[in-house]
PDB file of N, CA and C in Angstrom:
ATOM      1  N   MET A   1      19.246   3.279 -69.094  1.00  0.00           N
ATOM      2  CA  MET A   1      20.414   3.536 -68.275  1.00  0.00           C
ATOM      3  C   MET A   1      20.973   4.902 -68.659  1.00  0.00           C
ATOM      4  N   ASP A   2      21.338   5.663 -67.640  1.00  0.00           N
ATOM      5  CA  ASP A   2      21.888   6.998 -67.851  1.00  0.00           C
ATOM      6  C   ASP A   2      23.270   7.106 -67.225  1.00  0.00           C
ATOM      7  N   ILE A   3      24.099   7.916 -67.843  1.00  0.00           N
ATOM      8  CA  ILE A   3      25.379   8.284 -67.241  1.00  0.00           C
ATOM      9  C   ILE A   3      25.068   9.455 -66.322  1.00  0.00           C
ATOM     10  N   THR A   4      25.290   9.270 -65.026  1.00  0.00           N
ATOM     11  CA  THR A   4      24.939  10.313 -64.064  1.00  0.00           C
ATOM     12  C   THR A   4      26.141  11.113 -63.571  1.00  0.00           C
ATOM     13  N   GLU A   5      27.349  10.604 -63.816  1.00  0.00           N
ATOM     14  CA  GLU A   5      28.536  11.365 -63.438  1.00  0.00           C
ATOM     15  C   GLU A   5      29.752  10.853 -64.196  1.00  0.00           C
ATOM     16  N   VAL A   6      30.601  11.781 -64.596  1.00  0.00           N
ATOM     17  CA  VAL A   6      31.902  11.444 -65.177  1.00  0.00           C
ATOM     18  C   VAL A   6      32.929  12.286 -64.431  1.00  0.00           C
ATOM     19  N   ARG A   7      33.909  11.615 -63.842  1.00  0.00           N
ATOM     20  CA  ARG A   7      34.992  12.315 -63.145  1.00  0.00           C
ATOM     21  C   ARG A   7      36.275  12.143 -63.950  1.00  0.00           C
ATOM     22  N   ILE A   8      36.983  13.231 -64.106  1.00  0.00           N
ATOM     23  CA  ILE A   8      38.210  13.251 -64.895  1.00  0.00           C
ATOM     24  C   ILE A   8      39.376  13.667 -64.001  1.00  0.00           C
ATOM     25  N   THR A   9      40.479  12.926 -64.097  1.00  0.00           N
ATOM     26  CA  THR A   9      41.727  13.287 -63.430  1.00  0.00           C
ATOM     27  C   THR A   9      42.777  13.466 -64.517  1.00  0.00           C
ATOM     28  N   LEU A  10      43.158  14.699 -64.753  1.00  0.00           N
ATOM     29  CA  LEU A  10      44.097  15.001 -65.828  1.00  0.00           C
ATOM     30  C   LEU A  10      45.490  14.454 -65.536  1.00  0.00           C
ATOM     31  N   ARG A  11      46.149  14.016 -66.594  1.00  0.00           N
ATOM     32  CA  ARG A  11      47.532  13.530 -66.556  1.00  0.00           C
ATOM     33  C   ARG A  11      48.236  14.064 -67.805  1.00  0.00           C
ATOM     34  N   ASP A  12      49.534  14.055 -67.766  1.00  0.00           N
ATOM     35  CA  ASP A  12      50.331  14.373 -68.949  1.00  0.00           C
ATOM     36  C   ASP A  12      51.524  13.434 -68.926  1.00  0.00           C
ATOM     37  N   GLU A  13      51.241  12.166 -69.218  1.00  0.00           N
ATOM     38  CA  GLU A  13      52.246  11.111 -69.139  1.00  0.00           C
ATOM     39  C   GLU A  13      52.298  10.379 -70.475  1.00  0.00           C
ATOM     40  N   GLY A  14      53.167  10.834 -71.353  1.00  0.00           N
ATOM     41  CA  GLY A  14      53.222  10.229 -72.686  1.00  0.00           C
ATOM     42  C   GLY A  14      51.919  10.470 -73.417  1.00  0.00           C
ATOM     43  N   ARG A  15      51.305   9.398 -73.884  1.00  0.00           N
ATOM     44  CA  ARG A  15      50.031   9.519 -74.605  1.00  0.00           C
ATOM     45  C   ARG A  15      48.830   9.581 -73.676  1.00  0.00           C
ATOM     46  N   LEU A  16      49.021   9.259 -72.398  1.00  0.00           N
ATOM     47  CA  LEU A  16      47.939   9.285 -71.419  1.00  0.00           C
ATOM     48  C   LEU A  16      47.598  10.724 -71.065  1.00  0.00           C
ATOM     49  N   ARG A  17      46.368  11.122 -71.309  1.00  0.00           N
ATOM     50  CA  ARG A  17      45.929  12.486 -71.036  1.00  0.00           C
ATOM     51  C   ARG A  17      45.111  12.602 -69.758  1.00  0.00           C
ATOM     52  N   ALA A  18      44.407  11.509 -69.384  1.00  0.00           N
ATOM     53  CA  ALA A  18      43.575  11.571 -68.178  1.00  0.00           C
ATOM     54  C   ALA A  18      43.073  10.176 -67.823  1.00  0.00           C
ATOM     55  N   PHE A  19      42.637  10.057 -66.568  1.00  0.00           N
ATOM     56  CA  PHE A  19      41.875   8.899 -66.124  1.00  0.00           C
ATOM     57  C   PHE A  19      40.432   9.355 -65.962  1.00  0.00           C
ATOM     58  N   ALA A  20      39.501   8.433 -66.099  1.00  0.00           N
ATOM     59  CA  ALA A  20      38.090   8.768 -65.921  1.00  0.00           C
ATOM     60  C   ALA A  20      37.397   7.686 -65.112  1.00  0.00           C
ATOM     61  N   SER A  21      36.386   8.116 -64.369  1.00  0.00           N
ATOM     62  CA  SER A  21      35.452   7.223 -63.701  1.00  0.00           C
ATOM     63  C   SER A  21      34.074   7.624 -64.188  1.00  0.00           C
ATOM     64  N   ILE A  22      33.230   6.647 -64.439  1.00  0.00           N
ATOM     65  CA  ILE A  22      31.906   6.930 -64.973  1.00  0.00           C
ATOM     66  C   ILE A  22      30.865   6.208 -64.124  1.00  0.00           C
ATOM     67  N   THR A  23      29.817   6.945 -63.743  1.00  0.00           N
ATOM     68  CA  THR A  23      28.754   6.398 -62.903  1.00  0.00           C
ATOM     69  C   THR A  23      27.480   6.271 -63.725  1.00  0.00           C
ATOM     70  N   PHE A  24      26.819   5.127 -63.562  1.00  0.00           N
ATOM     71  CA  PHE A  24      25.559   4.848 -64.251  1.00  0.00           C
ATOM     72  C   PHE A  24      24.421   4.842 -63.241  1.00  0.00           C
ATOM     73  N   ASP A  25      23.363   5.575 -63.546  1.00  0.00           N
ATOM     74  CA  ASP A  25      22.136   5.592 -62.735  1.00  0.00           C
ATOM     75  C   ASP A  25      22.388   5.820 -61.249  1.00  0.00           C
ATOM     76  N   ASN A  26      23.410   6.596 -60.908  1.00  0.00           N
ATOM     77  CA  ASN A  26      23.751   6.885 -59.511  1.00  0.00           C
ATOM     78  C   ASN A  26      23.925   5.628 -58.665  1.00  0.00           C
ATOM     79  N   CYS A  27      24.252   4.477 -59.320  1.00  0.00           N
ATOM     80  CA  CYS A  27      24.348   3.259 -58.514  1.00  0.00           C
ATOM     81  C   CYS A  27      25.469   2.313 -58.934  1.00  0.00           C
ATOM     82  N   PHE A  28      26.143   2.567 -60.061  1.00  0.00           N
ATOM     83  CA  PHE A  28      27.211   1.663 -60.495  1.00  0.00           C
ATOM     84  C   PHE A  28      28.320   2.490 -61.116  1.00  0.00           C
ATOM     85  N   VAL A  29      29.553   2.302 -60.633  1.00  0.00           N
ATOM     86  CA  VAL A  29      30.679   3.092 -61.129  1.00  0.00           C
ATOM     87  C   VAL A  29      31.718   2.175 -61.769  1.00  0.00           C
ATOM     88  N   VAL A  30      32.312   2.664 -62.838  1.00  0.00           N
ATOM     89  CA  VAL A  30      33.434   1.979 -63.485  1.00  0.00           C
ATOM     90  C   VAL A  30      34.602   2.956 -63.424  1.00  0.00           C
ATOM     91  N   ARG A  31      35.690   2.508 -62.812  1.00  0.00           N
ATOM     92  CA  ARG A  31      36.889   3.339 -62.675  1.00  0.00           C
ATOM     93  C   ARG A  31      37.989   2.795 -63.577  1.00  0.00           C
ATOM     94  N   GLY A  32      38.970   3.626 -63.831  1.00  0.00           N
ATOM     95  CA  GLY A  32      40.149   3.164 -64.550  1.00  0.00           C
ATOM     96  C   GLY A  32      40.076   3.309 -66.053  1.00  0.00           C
ATOM     97  N   LEU A  33      39.102   4.077 -66.577  1.00  0.00           N
ATOM     98  CA  LEU A  33      39.106   4.371 -68.006  1.00  0.00           C
ATOM     99  C   LEU A  33      40.267   5.324 -68.264  1.00  0.00           C
ATOM    100  N   LYS A  34      40.900   5.193 -69.410  1.00  0.00           N
ATOM    101  CA  LYS A  34      42.028   6.051 -69.762  1.00  0.00           C
ATOM    102  C   LYS A  34      41.688   6.847 -71.011  1.00  0.00           C
ATOM    103  N   ILE A  35      42.042   8.113 -70.992  1.00  0.00           N
ATOM    104  CA  ILE A  35      41.895   8.957 -72.174  1.00  0.00           C
ATOM    105  C   ILE A  35      43.279   9.048 -72.790  1.00  0.00           C
ATOM    106  N   ILE A  36      43.373   8.549 -74.007  1.00  0.00           N
ATOM    107  CA  ILE A  36      44.645   8.402 -74.706  1.00  0.00           C
ATOM    108  C   ILE A  36      44.651   9.285 -75.951  1.00  0.00           C
ATOM    109  N   GLU A  37      45.781   9.930 -76.194  1.00  0.00           N
ATOM    110  CA  GLU A  37      45.979  10.713 -77.418  1.00  0.00           C
ATOM    111  C   GLU A  37      46.783   9.861 -78.390  1.00  0.00           C
ATOM    112  N   SER A  38      46.219   9.610 -79.565  1.00  0.00           N
ATOM    113  CA  SER A  38      46.921   8.830 -80.582  1.00  0.00           C
ATOM    114  C   SER A  38      47.042   9.661 -81.852  1.00  0.00           C
ATOM    115  N   THR A  39      47.700   9.108 -82.841  1.00  0.00           N
ATOM    116  CA  THR A  39      47.832   9.818 -84.122  1.00  0.00           C
ATOM    117  C   THR A  39      46.476   9.988 -84.794  1.00  0.00           C
ATOM    118  N   ASN A  40      45.489   9.162 -84.427  1.00  0.00           N
ATOM    119  CA  ASN A  40      44.140   9.263 -85.003  1.00  0.00           C
ATOM    120  C   ASN A  40      43.201  10.090 -84.148  1.00  0.00           C
ATOM    121  N   GLY A  41      43.694  10.707 -83.082  1.00  0.00           N
ATOM    122  CA  GLY A  41      42.862  11.525 -82.218  1.00  0.00           C
ATOM    123  C   GLY A  41      42.782  10.958 -80.813  1.00  0.00           C
ATOM    124  N   THR A  42      41.879  11.521 -80.055  1.00  0.00           N
ATOM    125  CA  THR A  42      41.702  11.123 -78.664  1.00  0.00           C
ATOM    126  C   THR A  42      40.682  10.000 -78.586  1.00  0.00           C
ATOM    127  N   PHE A  43      40.966   8.998 -77.738  1.00  0.00           N
ATOM    128  CA  PHE A  43      40.009   7.913 -77.546  1.00  0.00           C
ATOM    129  C   PHE A  43      40.013   7.461 -76.101  1.00  0.00           C
ATOM    130  N   VAL A  44      38.995   6.682 -75.747  1.00  0.00           N
ATOM    131  CA  VAL A  44      38.840   6.172 -74.390  1.00  0.00           C
ATOM    132  C   VAL A  44      39.187   4.691 -74.390  1.00  0.00           C
ATOM    133  N   ALA A  45      40.151   4.319 -73.546  1.00  0.00           N
ATOM    134  CA  ALA A  45      40.511   2.914 -73.360  1.00  0.00           C
ATOM    135  C   ALA A  45      39.801   2.416 -72.107  1.00  0.00           C
ATOM    136  N   MET A  46      39.200   1.258 -72.210  1.00  0.00           N
ATOM    137  CA  MET A  46      38.476   0.673 -71.095  1.00  0.00           C
ATOM    138  C   MET A  46      39.461   0.156 -70.037  1.00  0.00           C
ATOM    139  N   PRO A  47      38.997   0.021 -68.797  1.00  0.00           N
ATOM    140  CA  PRO A  47      39.875  -0.539 -67.769  1.00  0.00           C
ATOM    141  C   PRO A  47      40.286  -1.962 -68.152  1.00  0.00           C
ATOM    142  N   SER A  48      41.533  -2.296 -67.923  1.00  0.00           N
ATOM    143  CA  SER A  48      42.026  -3.610 -68.348  1.00  0.00           C
ATOM    144  C   SER A  48      43.058  -4.134 -67.360  1.00  0.00           C
ATOM    145  N   ARG A  49      43.388  -5.398 -67.534  1.00  0.00           N
ATOM    146  CA  ARG A  49      44.447  -6.011 -66.726  1.00  0.00           C
ATOM    147  C   ARG A  49      45.375  -6.765 -67.662  1.00  0.00           C
ATOM    148  N   LYS A  50      46.605  -6.891 -67.246  1.00  0.00           N
ATOM    149  CA  LYS A  50      47.600  -7.593 -68.053  1.00  0.00           C
ATOM    150  C   LYS A  50      47.534  -9.084 -67.726  1.00  0.00           C
ATOM    151  N   ARG A  51      47.404  -9.877 -68.758  1.00  0.00           N
ATOM    152  CA  ARG A  51      47.343 -11.326 -68.591  1.00  0.00           C
ATOM    153  C   ARG A  51      48.748 -11.908 -68.533  1.00  0.00           C
ATOM    154  N   GLY A  52      48.846 -13.162 -68.186  1.00  0.00           N
ATOM    155  CA  GLY A  52      50.133 -13.839 -68.068  1.00  0.00           C
ATOM    156  C   GLY A  52      50.932 -13.854 -69.350  1.00  0.00           C
ATOM    157  N   ASN A  53      50.246 -13.822 -70.506  1.00  0.00           N
ATOM    158  CA  ASN A  53      50.939 -13.853 -71.789  1.00  0.00           C
ATOM    159  C   ASN A  53      51.348 -12.452 -72.270  1.00  0.00           C
ATOM    160  N   GLY A  54      51.122 -11.429 -71.423  1.00  0.00           N
ATOM    161  CA  GLY A  54      51.518 -10.068 -71.783  1.00  0.00           C
ATOM    162  C   GLY A  54      50.448  -9.260 -72.485  1.00  0.00           C
ATOM    163  N   GLU A  55      49.359  -9.895 -72.905  1.00  0.00           N
ATOM    164  CA  GLU A  55      48.266  -9.177 -73.556  1.00  0.00           C
ATOM    165  C   GLU A  55      47.365  -8.550 -72.509  1.00  0.00           C
ATOM    166  N   TYR A  56      46.653  -7.509 -72.901  1.00  0.00           N
ATOM    167  CA  TYR A  56      45.722  -6.841 -72.011  1.00  0.00           C
ATOM    168  C   TYR A  56      44.304  -7.291 -72.328  1.00  0.00           C
ATOM    169  N   GLN A  57      43.502  -7.457 -71.274  1.00  0.00           N
ATOM    170  CA  GLN A  57      42.111  -7.859 -71.423  1.00  0.00           C
ATOM    171  C   GLN A  57      41.245  -6.829 -70.708  1.00  0.00           C
ATOM    172  N   ASP A  58      40.212  -6.326 -71.410  1.00  0.00           N
ATOM    173  CA  ASP A  58      39.295  -5.379 -70.788  1.00  0.00           C
ATOM    174  C   ASP A  58      38.580  -6.028 -69.613  1.00  0.00           C
ATOM    175  N   ILE A  59      38.449  -5.281 -68.532  1.00  0.00           N
ATOM    176  CA  ILE A  59      37.701  -5.729 -67.363  1.00  0.00           C
ATOM    177  C   ILE A  59      36.218  -5.420 -67.564  1.00  0.00           C
ATOM    178  N   ALA A  60      35.939  -4.262 -68.110  1.00  0.00           N
ATOM    179  CA  ALA A  60      34.570  -3.826 -68.407  1.00  0.00           C
ATOM    180  C   ALA A  60      34.612  -3.104 -69.739  1.00  0.00           C
ATOM    181  N   HIS A  61      33.585  -3.318 -70.551  1.00  0.00           N
ATOM    182  CA  HIS A  61      33.538  -2.634 -71.841  1.00  0.00           C
ATOM    183  C   HIS A  61      32.140  -2.668 -72.420  1.00  0.00           C
ATOM    184  N   PRO A  62      31.809  -1.697 -73.277  1.00  0.00           N
ATOM    185  CA  PRO A  62      30.512  -1.697 -73.950  1.00  0.00           C
ATOM    186  C   PRO A  62      30.427  -2.881 -74.922  1.00  0.00           C
ATOM    187  N   ILE A  63      29.236  -3.413 -75.072  1.00  0.00           N
ATOM    188  CA  ILE A  63      29.028  -4.562 -75.947  1.00  0.00           C
ATOM    189  C   ILE A  63      28.827  -4.135 -77.401  1.00  0.00           C
ATOM    190  N   SER A  64      28.089  -3.049 -77.604  1.00  0.00           N
ATOM    191  CA  SER A  64      27.764  -2.634 -78.971  1.00  0.00           C
ATOM    192  C   SER A  64      28.529  -1.376 -79.363  1.00  0.00           C
ATOM    193  N   ARG A  65      28.604  -1.153 -80.649  1.00  0.00           N
ATOM    194  CA  ARG A  65      29.258   0.046 -81.180  1.00  0.00           C
ATOM    195  C   ARG A  65      28.541   1.308 -80.698  1.00  0.00           C
ATOM    196  N   GLU A  66      27.211   1.255 -80.687  1.00  0.00           N
ATOM    197  CA  GLU A  66      26.426   2.416 -80.261  1.00  0.00           C
ATOM    198  C   GLU A  66      26.691   2.754 -78.795  1.00  0.00           C
ATOM    199  N   SER A  67      26.763   1.730 -77.944  1.00  0.00           N
ATOM    200  CA  SER A  67      27.007   2.012 -76.530  1.00  0.00           C
ATOM    201  C   SER A  67      28.437   2.508 -76.314  1.00  0.00           C
ATOM    202  N   ARG A  68      29.393   2.033 -77.088  1.00  0.00           N
ATOM    203  CA  ARG A  68      30.768   2.539 -76.993  1.00  0.00           C
ATOM    204  C   ARG A  68      30.813   4.008 -77.401  1.00  0.00           C
ATOM    205  N   GLU A  69      30.150   4.356 -78.484  1.00  0.00           N
ATOM    206  CA  GLU A  69      30.138   5.747 -78.943  1.00  0.00           C
ATOM    207  C   GLU A  69      29.477   6.654 -77.908  1.00  0.00           C
ATOM    208  N   TRP A  70      28.379   6.189 -77.299  1.00  0.00           N
ATOM    209  CA  TRP A  70      27.663   6.949 -76.272  1.00  0.00           C
ATOM    210  C   TRP A  70      28.569   7.195 -75.073  1.00  0.00           C
ATOM    211  N   LEU A  71      29.223   6.156 -74.595  1.00  0.00           N
ATOM    212  CA  LEU A  71      30.104   6.256 -73.444  1.00  0.00           C
ATOM    213  C   LEU A  71      31.310   7.139 -73.761  1.00  0.00           C
ATOM    214  N   GLU A  72      31.944   6.894 -74.905  1.00  0.00           N
ATOM    215  CA  GLU A  72      33.136   7.664 -75.276  1.00  0.00           C
ATOM    216  C   GLU A  72      32.799   9.141 -75.459  1.00  0.00           C
ATOM    217  N   SER A  73      31.661   9.436 -76.034  1.00  0.00           N
ATOM    218  CA  SER A  73      31.247  10.822 -76.226  1.00  0.00           C
ATOM    219  C   SER A  73      31.096  11.533 -74.881  1.00  0.00           C
ATOM    220  N   ALA A  74      30.469  10.868 -73.914  1.00  0.00           N
ATOM    221  CA  ALA A  74      30.287  11.467 -72.589  1.00  0.00           C
ATOM    222  C   ALA A  74      31.629  11.700 -71.898  1.00  0.00           C
ATOM    223  N   VAL A  75      32.543  10.749 -72.005  1.00  0.00           N
ATOM    224  CA  VAL A  75      33.848  10.869 -71.347  1.00  0.00           C
ATOM    225  C   VAL A  75      34.690  11.959 -72.013  1.00  0.00           C
ATOM    226  N   ILE A  76      34.726  11.980 -73.334  1.00  0.00           N
ATOM    227  CA  ILE A  76      35.526  12.990 -74.051  1.00  0.00           C
ATOM    228  C   ILE A  76      34.969  14.394 -73.796  1.00  0.00           C
ATOM    229  N   THR A  77      33.643  14.526 -73.756  1.00  0.00           N
ATOM    230  CA  THR A  77      33.031  15.823 -73.464  1.00  0.00           C
ATOM    231  C   THR A  77      33.430  16.299 -72.066  1.00  0.00           C
ATOM    232  N   ALA A  78      33.384  15.398 -71.085  1.00  0.00           N
ATOM    233  CA  ALA A  78      33.789  15.756 -69.719  1.00  0.00           C
ATOM    234  C   ALA A  78      35.282  16.089 -69.656  1.00  0.00           C
ATOM    235  N   TYR A  79      36.086  15.359 -70.413  1.00  0.00           N
ATOM    236  CA  TYR A  79      37.531  15.619 -70.473  1.00  0.00           C
ATOM    237  C   TYR A  79      37.795  17.026 -71.016  1.00  0.00           C
ATOM    238  N   LYS A  80      37.134  17.395 -72.091  1.00  0.00           N
ATOM    239  CA  LYS A  80      37.344  18.725 -72.672  1.00  0.00           C
ATOM    240  C   LYS A  80      36.875  19.822 -71.720  1.00  0.00           C
ATOM    241  N   ALA A  81      35.783  19.581 -71.015  1.00  0.00           N
ATOM    242  CA  ALA A  81      35.313  20.556 -70.028  1.00  0.00           C
ATOM    243  C   ALA A  81      36.330  20.698 -68.901  1.00  0.00           C
ATOM    244  N   GLU A  82      36.920  19.595 -68.469  1.00  0.00           N
ATOM    245  CA  GLU A  82      37.929  19.641 -67.410  1.00  0.00           C
ATOM    246  C   GLU A  82      39.186  20.367 -67.885  1.00  0.00           C
ATOM    247  N   LEU A  83      39.565  20.166 -69.138  1.00  0.00           N
ATOM    248  CA  LEU A  83      40.706  20.908 -69.691  1.00  0.00           C
ATOM    249  C   LEU A  83      40.443  22.409 -69.655  1.00  0.00           C
ATOM    250  N   LEU A  84      39.246  22.804 -70.039  1.00  0.00           N
ATOM    251  CA  LEU A  84      38.901  24.229 -70.022  1.00  0.00           C
ATOM    252  C   LEU A  84      38.902  24.767 -68.594  1.00  0.00           C
ATOM    253  N   ARG A  85      38.327  24.017 -67.659  1.00  0.00           N
ATOM    254  CA  ARG A  85      38.299  24.440 -66.271  1.00  0.00           C
ATOM    255  C   ARG A  85      39.713  24.570 -65.718  1.00  0.00           C
ATOM    256  N   ALA A  86      40.547  23.573 -65.976  1.00  0.00           N
ATOM    257  CA  ALA A  86      41.929  23.606 -65.499  1.00  0.00           C
ATOM    258  C   ALA A  86      42.708  24.739 -66.154  1.00  0.00           C
ATOM    259  N   GLY A  87      42.431  25.009 -67.421  1.00  0.00           N
ATOM    260  CA  GLY A  87      43.091  26.112 -68.117  1.00  0.00           C
ATOM    261  C   GLY A  87      42.734  27.449 -67.517  1.00  0.00           C
ATOM    262  N   ASP A  88      41.474  27.591 -67.081  1.00  0.00           N
ATOM    263  CA  ASP A  88      41.035  28.826 -66.429  1.00  0.00           C
ATOM    264  C   ASP A  88      41.746  29.034 -65.103  1.00  0.00           C
ATOM    265  N   GLU A  89      42.182  27.930 -64.483  1.00  0.00           N
ATOM    266  CA  GLU A  89      42.873  28.014 -63.207  1.00  0.00           C
ATOM    267  C   GLU A  89      44.391  28.000 -63.385  1.00  0.00           C
ATOM    268  N   GLY A  90      44.856  28.064 -64.643  1.00  0.00           N
ATOM    269  CA  GLY A  90      46.288  28.083 -64.897  1.00  0.00           C
ATOM    270  C   GLY A  90      46.915  26.704 -64.910  1.00  0.00           C
ATOM    271  N   GLY A  91      46.095  25.671 -65.023  1.00  0.00           N
ATOM    272  CA  GLY A  91      46.602  24.298 -65.037  1.00  0.00           C
ATOM    273  C   GLY A  91      46.857  23.819 -66.448  1.00  0.00           C
ATOM    274  N   PHE A  92      46.377  22.636 -66.769  1.00  0.00           N
ATOM    275  CA  PHE A  92      46.574  22.022 -68.083  1.00  0.00           C
ATOM    276  C   PHE A  92      45.949  22.876 -69.178  1.00  0.00           C
ATOM    277  N   GLN A  93      46.535  22.829 -70.351  1.00  0.00           N
ATOM    278  CA  GLN A  93      46.000  23.532 -71.504  1.00  0.00           C
ATOM    279  C   GLN A  93      45.532  22.524 -72.537  1.00  0.00           C
ATOM    280  N   ASP A  94      44.388  22.788 -73.164  1.00  0.00           N
ATOM    281  CA  ASP A  94      43.862  21.930 -74.221  1.00  0.00           C
ATOM    282  C   ASP A  94      44.795  22.005 -75.416  1.00  0.00           C
ATOM    283  N   PRO A  95      45.289  20.856 -75.917  1.00  0.00           N
ATOM    284  CA  PRO A  95      46.177  20.887 -77.073  1.00  0.00           C
ATOM    285  C   PRO A  95      45.489  21.427 -78.318  1.00  0.00           C
ATOM    286  N   ASP A  96      44.159  21.382 -78.379  1.00  0.00           N
ATOM    287  CA  ASP A  96      43.409  21.929 -79.499  1.00  0.00           C
ATOM    288  C   ASP A  96      42.235  22.729 -78.942  1.00  0.00           C
ATOM    289  N   PRO A  97      42.467  23.970 -78.528  1.00  0.00           N
ATOM    290  CA  PRO A  97      41.418  24.739 -77.878  1.00  0.00           C
ATOM    291  C   PRO A  97      40.215  25.006 -78.772  1.00  0.00           C
ATOM    292  N   HIS A  98      40.342  24.877 -80.081  1.00  0.00           N
ATOM    293  CA  HIS A  98      39.226  25.103 -80.992  1.00  0.00           C
ATOM    294  C   HIS A  98      38.257  23.929 -81.009  1.00  0.00           C
ATOM    295  N   SER A  99      38.632  22.791 -80.394  1.00  0.00           N
ATOM    296  CA  SER A  99      37.782  21.616 -80.431  1.00  0.00           C
ATOM    297  C   SER A  99      36.869  21.518 -79.218  1.00  0.00           C
ATOM    298  N   ALA A 100      36.939  22.459 -78.289  1.00  0.00           N
ATOM    299  CA  ALA A 100      36.136  22.377 -77.056  1.00  0.00           C
ATOM    300  C   ALA A 100      34.661  22.251 -77.393  1.00  0.00           C
ATOM    301  N   GLY A 101      34.020  21.322 -76.692  1.00  0.00           N
ATOM    302  CA  GLY A 101      32.590  21.137 -76.887  1.00  0.00           C
ATOM    303  C   GLY A 101      32.235  20.105 -77.910  1.00  0.00           C
ATOM    304  N   GLU A 102      33.159  19.712 -78.755  1.00  0.00           N
ATOM    305  CA  GLU A 102      32.876  18.690 -79.750  1.00  0.00           C
ATOM    306  C   GLU A 102      33.120  17.320 -79.141  1.00  0.00           C
ATOM    307  N   ALA A 103      32.210  16.412 -79.377  1.00  0.00           N
ATOM    308  CA  ALA A 103      32.402  15.029 -78.908  1.00  0.00           C
ATOM    309  C   ALA A 103      32.907  14.192 -80.054  1.00  0.00           C
ATOM    310  N   THR A 104      33.869  13.328 -79.752  1.00  0.00           N
ATOM    311  CA  THR A 104      34.363  12.419 -80.773  1.00  0.00           C
ATOM    312  C   THR A 104      33.949  11.012 -80.424  1.00  0.00           C
ATOM    313  N   GLY A 105      33.847  10.181 -81.413  1.00  0.00           N
ATOM    314  CA  GLY A 105      33.383   8.827 -81.117  1.00  0.00           C
ATOM    315  C   GLY A 105      34.124   7.789 -81.854  1.00  0.00           C
TER     316      GLY A 105
END
């Protein structure tokens, strides 16, 4: 299985930095991933829904640690590229411009 597309929609709403959609093998898309900035760095939150008890449950998520790292790396890389592109157009600025190109997992 390959990631064939990652789309990023930048936001600046509290800790929320962007939304992402990810396409697998040009035939299956998962929307609603969130790129969140925390005290431990940037991470990808899977799409989720709020349950009746107030807790959130992932709708879709990687099963293994390796697949989570693979997915998160692709999304964060696309996010950083979008920050650079938007910065070139006078839009959003990367909070850490020295980190461009590095994938975190």
